[in-house]
Amino acid sequence: MRLDKFLKVSRIIKRRTVAKEACDGGRVSLNGRTAKAGNEVKEGDVMEIRFGSRLGRYEIVSIKETVRKEEAAEMYRVLQEDEAVLAERNG
């Protein structure tokens, strides 16, 4: 599955166009490498997303084409969600 579609289906990012812009803007990395919207994701991959002062790290647990809102959070495991991390890095 494409990274931008996974971000939308899992509801980490609400809209696919916003997910694509985040990927193409260099704010998303996959397994430690800057990712593009079209990168394929698989179970076990680790994503890092930077949005403003927020930093989120997630492990992909499952990949599904469609999922109900209540089950979307089961597609990933939160490794880190922090606002202070970027503030510390930027001084």
N, C-alpha and C. Protein backbone atom coordinates (compact mmCIF):
# COMPACT_ATOMS: atom_id res chain seq x y z
N MET A 1 0.85 -1.18 0.00
CA MET A 1 0.00 0.00 0.00
C MET A 1 0.89 1.24 0.00
N ARG A 2 0.47 2.25 -0.71
CA ARG A 2 1.21 3.52 -0.74
C ARG A 2 1.19 4.17 0.64
N LEU A 3 2.26 4.87 0.97
CA LEU A 3 2.38 5.54 2.26
C LEU A 3 1.28 6.56 2.48
N ASP A 4 0.99 7.39 1.49
CA ASP A 4 -0.04 8.41 1.67
C ASP A 4 -1.41 7.78 1.92
N LYS A 5 -1.69 6.67 1.26
CA LYS A 5 -2.98 5.99 1.47
C LYS A 5 -3.03 5.37 2.86
N PHE A 6 -1.92 4.78 3.31
CA PHE A 6 -1.89 4.21 4.65
C PHE A 6 -2.15 5.29 5.71
N LEU A 7 -1.53 6.45 5.55
CA LEU A 7 -1.72 7.54 6.52
C LEU A 7 -3.18 7.96 6.58
N LYS A 8 -3.85 7.96 5.44
CA LYS A 8 -5.27 8.33 5.41
C LYS A 8 -6.16 7.23 5.97
N VAL A 9 -5.96 5.99 5.53
CA VAL A 9 -6.80 4.89 5.99
C VAL A 9 -6.66 4.68 7.50
N SER A 10 -5.44 4.82 8.02
CA SER A 10 -5.20 4.64 9.45
C SER A 10 -5.63 5.87 10.26
N ARG A 11 -5.94 6.95 9.56
CA ARG A 11 -6.38 8.20 10.16
C ARG A 11 -5.31 8.89 11.00
N ILE A 12 -4.05 8.59 10.71
CA ILE A 12 -2.97 9.36 11.32
C ILE A 12 -3.03 10.77 10.75
N ILE A 13 -3.27 10.87 9.44
CA ILE A 13 -3.53 12.14 8.76
C ILE A 13 -4.89 11.99 8.10
N LYS A 14 -5.76 12.96 8.29
CA LYS A 14 -7.17 12.83 7.91
C LYS A 14 -7.41 12.81 6.40
N ARG A 15 -6.62 13.55 5.62
CA ARG A 15 -6.87 13.63 4.19
C ARG A 15 -5.67 13.14 3.40
N ARG A 16 -5.93 12.46 2.32
CA ARG A 16 -4.84 11.90 1.52
C ARG A 16 -4.00 12.99 0.87
N THR A 17 -4.63 14.09 0.46
CA THR A 17 -3.85 15.17 -0.14
C THR A 17 -2.89 15.78 0.87
N VAL A 18 -3.33 15.91 2.11
CA VAL A 18 -2.45 16.44 3.17
C VAL A 18 -1.33 15.44 3.44
N ALA A 19 -1.64 14.16 3.43
CA ALA A 19 -0.62 13.12 3.63
C ALA A 19 0.41 13.18 2.51
N LYS A 20 -0.05 13.36 1.26
CA LYS A 20 0.86 13.44 0.13
C LYS A 20 1.76 14.66 0.25
N GLU A 21 1.20 15.79 0.64
CA GLU A 21 1.99 17.01 0.81
C GLU A 21 3.03 16.84 1.91
N ALA A 22 2.66 16.19 3.00
CA ALA A 22 3.60 15.96 4.10
C ALA A 22 4.76 15.08 3.64
N CYS A 23 4.43 14.03 2.89
CA CYS A 23 5.47 13.12 2.37
C CYS A 23 6.39 13.85 1.40
N ASP A 24 5.81 14.53 0.43
CA ASP A 24 6.60 15.20 -0.59
C ASP A 24 7.37 16.39 -0.04
N GLY A 25 6.93 16.91 1.12
CA GLY A 25 7.62 18.03 1.77
C GLY A 25 8.76 17.57 2.67
N GLY A 26 9.02 16.27 2.70
CA GLY A 26 10.13 15.76 3.49
C GLY A 26 9.86 15.65 4.97
N ARG A 27 8.59 15.68 5.37
CA ARG A 27 8.24 15.61 6.79
C ARG A 27 7.94 14.20 7.28
N VAL A 28 8.01 13.23 6.38
CA VAL A 28 7.73 11.84 6.75
C VAL A 28 8.94 10.98 6.39
N SER A 29 9.38 10.16 7.34
CA SER A 29 10.44 9.21 7.03
C SER A 29 9.93 7.80 7.31
N LEU A 30 10.49 6.86 6.58
CA LEU A 30 10.10 5.46 6.67
C LEU A 30 11.37 4.66 6.89
N ASN A 31 11.45 4.00 8.04
CA ASN A 31 12.64 3.22 8.40
C ASN A 31 13.91 4.05 8.34
N GLY A 32 13.82 5.31 8.82
CA GLY A 32 14.99 6.17 8.90
C GLY A 32 15.36 6.91 7.63
N ARG A 33 14.59 6.74 6.56
CA ARG A 33 14.88 7.41 5.30
C ARG A 33 13.69 8.28 4.90
N THR A 34 13.98 9.45 4.35
CA THR A 34 12.93 10.34 3.89
C THR A 34 12.07 9.61 2.88
N ALA A 35 10.75 9.69 3.07
CA ALA A 35 9.82 8.92 2.24
C ALA A 35 9.01 9.82 1.32
N LYS A 36 8.65 9.28 0.20
CA LYS A 36 7.73 9.93 -0.74
C LYS A 36 6.36 9.28 -0.60
N ALA A 37 5.34 9.97 -1.09
CA ALA A 37 3.96 9.50 -0.97
C ALA A 37 3.77 8.12 -1.59
N GLY A 38 4.49 7.82 -2.64
CA GLY A 38 4.32 6.56 -3.35
C GLY A 38 5.11 5.39 -2.79
N ASN A 39 5.91 5.62 -1.75
CA ASN A 39 6.65 4.51 -1.15
C ASN A 39 5.69 3.45 -0.63
N GLU A 40 6.03 2.20 -0.85
CA GLU A 40 5.22 1.09 -0.37
C GLU A 40 5.54 0.82 1.11
N VAL A 41 4.51 0.63 1.92
CA VAL A 41 4.70 0.30 3.33
C VAL A 41 4.33 -1.17 3.55
N LYS A 42 4.95 -1.74 4.57
CA LYS A 42 4.64 -3.12 4.93
C LYS A 42 4.64 -3.23 6.45
N GLU A 43 4.08 -4.32 6.94
CA GLU A 43 4.02 -4.53 8.38
C GLU A 43 5.44 -4.55 8.95
N GLY A 44 5.62 -3.88 10.09
CA GLY A 44 6.92 -3.82 10.73
C GLY A 44 7.70 -2.55 10.41
N ASP A 45 7.29 -1.81 9.37
CA ASP A 45 7.95 -0.55 9.05
C ASP A 45 7.72 0.46 10.16
N VAL A 46 8.69 1.37 10.34
CA VAL A 46 8.57 2.44 11.34
C VAL A 46 8.53 3.77 10.60
N MET A 47 7.48 4.57 10.88
CA MET A 47 7.32 5.89 10.28
C MET A 47 7.61 6.95 11.32
N GLU A 48 8.16 8.06 10.86
CA GLU A 48 8.34 9.24 11.71
C GLU A 48 7.72 10.41 10.96
N ILE A 49 6.83 11.14 11.64
CA ILE A 49 6.11 12.24 11.00
C ILE A 49 6.34 13.50 11.83
N ARG A 50 6.74 14.59 11.14
CA ARG A 50 6.95 15.87 11.79
C ARG A 50 5.91 16.86 11.25
N PHE A 51 5.09 17.37 12.15
CA PHE A 51 4.08 18.37 11.79
C PHE A 51 4.19 19.52 12.77
N GLY A 52 4.70 20.65 12.31
CA GLY A 52 4.89 21.78 13.21
C GLY A 52 5.84 21.40 14.33
N SER A 53 5.38 21.53 15.57
CA SER A 53 6.22 21.18 16.71
C SER A 53 6.00 19.74 17.17
N ARG A 54 5.15 19.01 16.47
CA ARG A 54 4.85 17.62 16.85
C ARG A 54 5.75 16.64 16.12
N LEU A 55 6.11 15.60 16.84
CA LEU A 55 6.88 14.50 16.27
C LEU A 55 6.17 13.22 16.65
N GLY A 56 5.90 12.38 15.68
CA GLY A 56 5.26 11.10 15.96
C GLY A 56 6.03 9.96 15.32
N ARG A 57 6.23 8.90 16.07
CA ARG A 57 6.87 7.69 15.54
C ARG A 57 5.88 6.55 15.70
N TYR A 58 5.65 5.80 14.62
CA TYR A 58 4.65 4.75 14.61
C TYR A 58 5.20 3.50 13.93
N GLU A 59 4.84 2.35 14.46
CA GLU A 59 5.17 1.08 13.82
C GLU A 59 3.91 0.58 13.13
N ILE A 60 4.04 0.17 11.89
CA ILE A 60 2.90 -0.34 11.13
C ILE A 60 2.65 -1.78 11.57
N VAL A 61 1.44 -2.03 12.08
CA VAL A 61 1.08 -3.34 12.61
C VAL A 61 0.32 -4.16 11.57
N SER A 62 -0.60 -3.51 10.85
CA SER A 62 -1.37 -4.21 9.83
C SER A 62 -1.72 -3.26 8.70
N ILE A 63 -1.98 -3.84 7.53
CA ILE A 63 -2.33 -3.05 6.36
C ILE A 63 -3.67 -3.54 5.85
N LYS A 64 -4.63 -2.64 5.79
CA LYS A 64 -5.97 -2.96 5.30
C LYS A 64 -6.41 -1.86 4.34
N GLU A 65 -7.10 -2.25 3.28
CA GLU A 65 -7.56 -1.28 2.29
C GLU A 65 -8.63 -0.34 2.86
N THR A 66 -9.53 -0.90 3.64
CA THR A 66 -10.57 -0.10 4.28
C THR A 66 -10.69 -0.55 5.73
N VAL A 67 -11.06 0.38 6.58
CA VAL A 67 -11.21 0.07 8.00
C VAL A 67 -12.19 1.06 8.61
N ARG A 68 -12.95 0.60 9.58
CA ARG A 68 -13.87 1.47 10.28
C ARG A 68 -13.10 2.41 11.19
N LYS A 69 -13.67 3.57 11.45
CA LYS A 69 -13.01 4.58 12.26
C LYS A 69 -12.55 4.02 13.60
N GLU A 70 -13.38 3.20 14.22
CA GLU A 70 -13.06 2.65 15.54
C GLU A 70 -11.87 1.70 15.50
N GLU A 71 -11.61 1.10 14.34
CA GLU A 71 -10.54 0.11 14.21
C GLU A 71 -9.27 0.67 13.59
N ALA A 72 -9.28 1.93 13.18
CA ALA A 72 -8.14 2.52 12.48
C ALA A 72 -6.88 2.51 13.34
N ALA A 73 -7.00 2.77 14.62
CA ALA A 73 -5.84 2.83 15.51
C ALA A 73 -5.16 1.47 15.68
N GLU A 74 -5.83 0.40 15.30
CA GLU A 74 -5.25 -0.93 15.41
C GLU A 74 -4.25 -1.21 14.27
N MET A 75 -4.19 -0.32 13.29
CA MET A 75 -3.28 -0.51 12.16
C MET A 75 -1.84 -0.12 12.49
N TYR A 76 -1.65 0.61 13.59
CA TYR A 76 -0.31 1.06 13.95
C TYR A 76 -0.15 1.06 15.46
N ARG A 77 1.11 1.09 15.89
CA ARG A 77 1.44 1.17 17.31
C ARG A 77 2.24 2.45 17.51
N VAL A 78 1.83 3.26 18.47
CA VAL A 78 2.52 4.51 18.75
C VAL A 78 3.81 4.21 19.49
N LEU A 79 4.92 4.63 18.92
CA LEU A 79 6.21 4.48 19.57
C LEU A 79 6.57 5.76 20.32
N GLN A 80 6.16 6.90 19.75
CA GLN A 80 6.46 8.19 20.38
C GLN A 80 5.53 9.25 19.78
N GLU A 81 4.96 10.07 20.62
CA GLU A 81 4.21 11.25 20.19
C GLU A 81 4.61 12.36 21.14
N ASP A 82 5.30 13.36 20.61
CA ASP A 82 5.88 14.35 21.50
C ASP A 82 5.93 15.70 20.81
N GLU A 83 5.65 16.76 21.57
CA GLU A 83 5.78 18.10 21.05
C GLU A 83 7.09 18.73 21.47
N ALA A 84 7.66 18.30 22.58
CA ALA A 84 8.86 18.92 23.12
C ALA A 84 10.13 18.51 22.38
N VAL A 85 10.11 17.38 21.69
CA VAL A 85 11.31 16.87 21.04
C VAL A 85 11.85 17.88 20.03
N LEU A 86 10.98 18.41 19.17
CA LEU A 86 11.45 19.35 18.17
C LEU A 86 11.89 20.67 18.80
N ALA A 87 11.24 21.10 19.86
CA ALA A 87 11.64 22.32 20.54
C ALA A 87 13.06 22.17 21.10
N GLU A 88 13.38 21.00 21.65
CA GLU A 88 14.72 20.75 22.17
C GLU A 88 15.75 20.74 21.04
N ARG A 89 15.42 20.13 19.92
CA ARG A 89 16.35 20.05 18.79
C ARG A 89 16.63 21.43 18.21
N ASN A 90 15.60 22.28 18.17
CA ASN A 90 15.75 23.60 17.55
C ASN A 90 16.26 24.65 18.52
N GLY A 91 16.37 24.28 19.79
CA GLY A 91 16.91 25.18 20.80
C GLY A 91 15.90 26.18 21.20
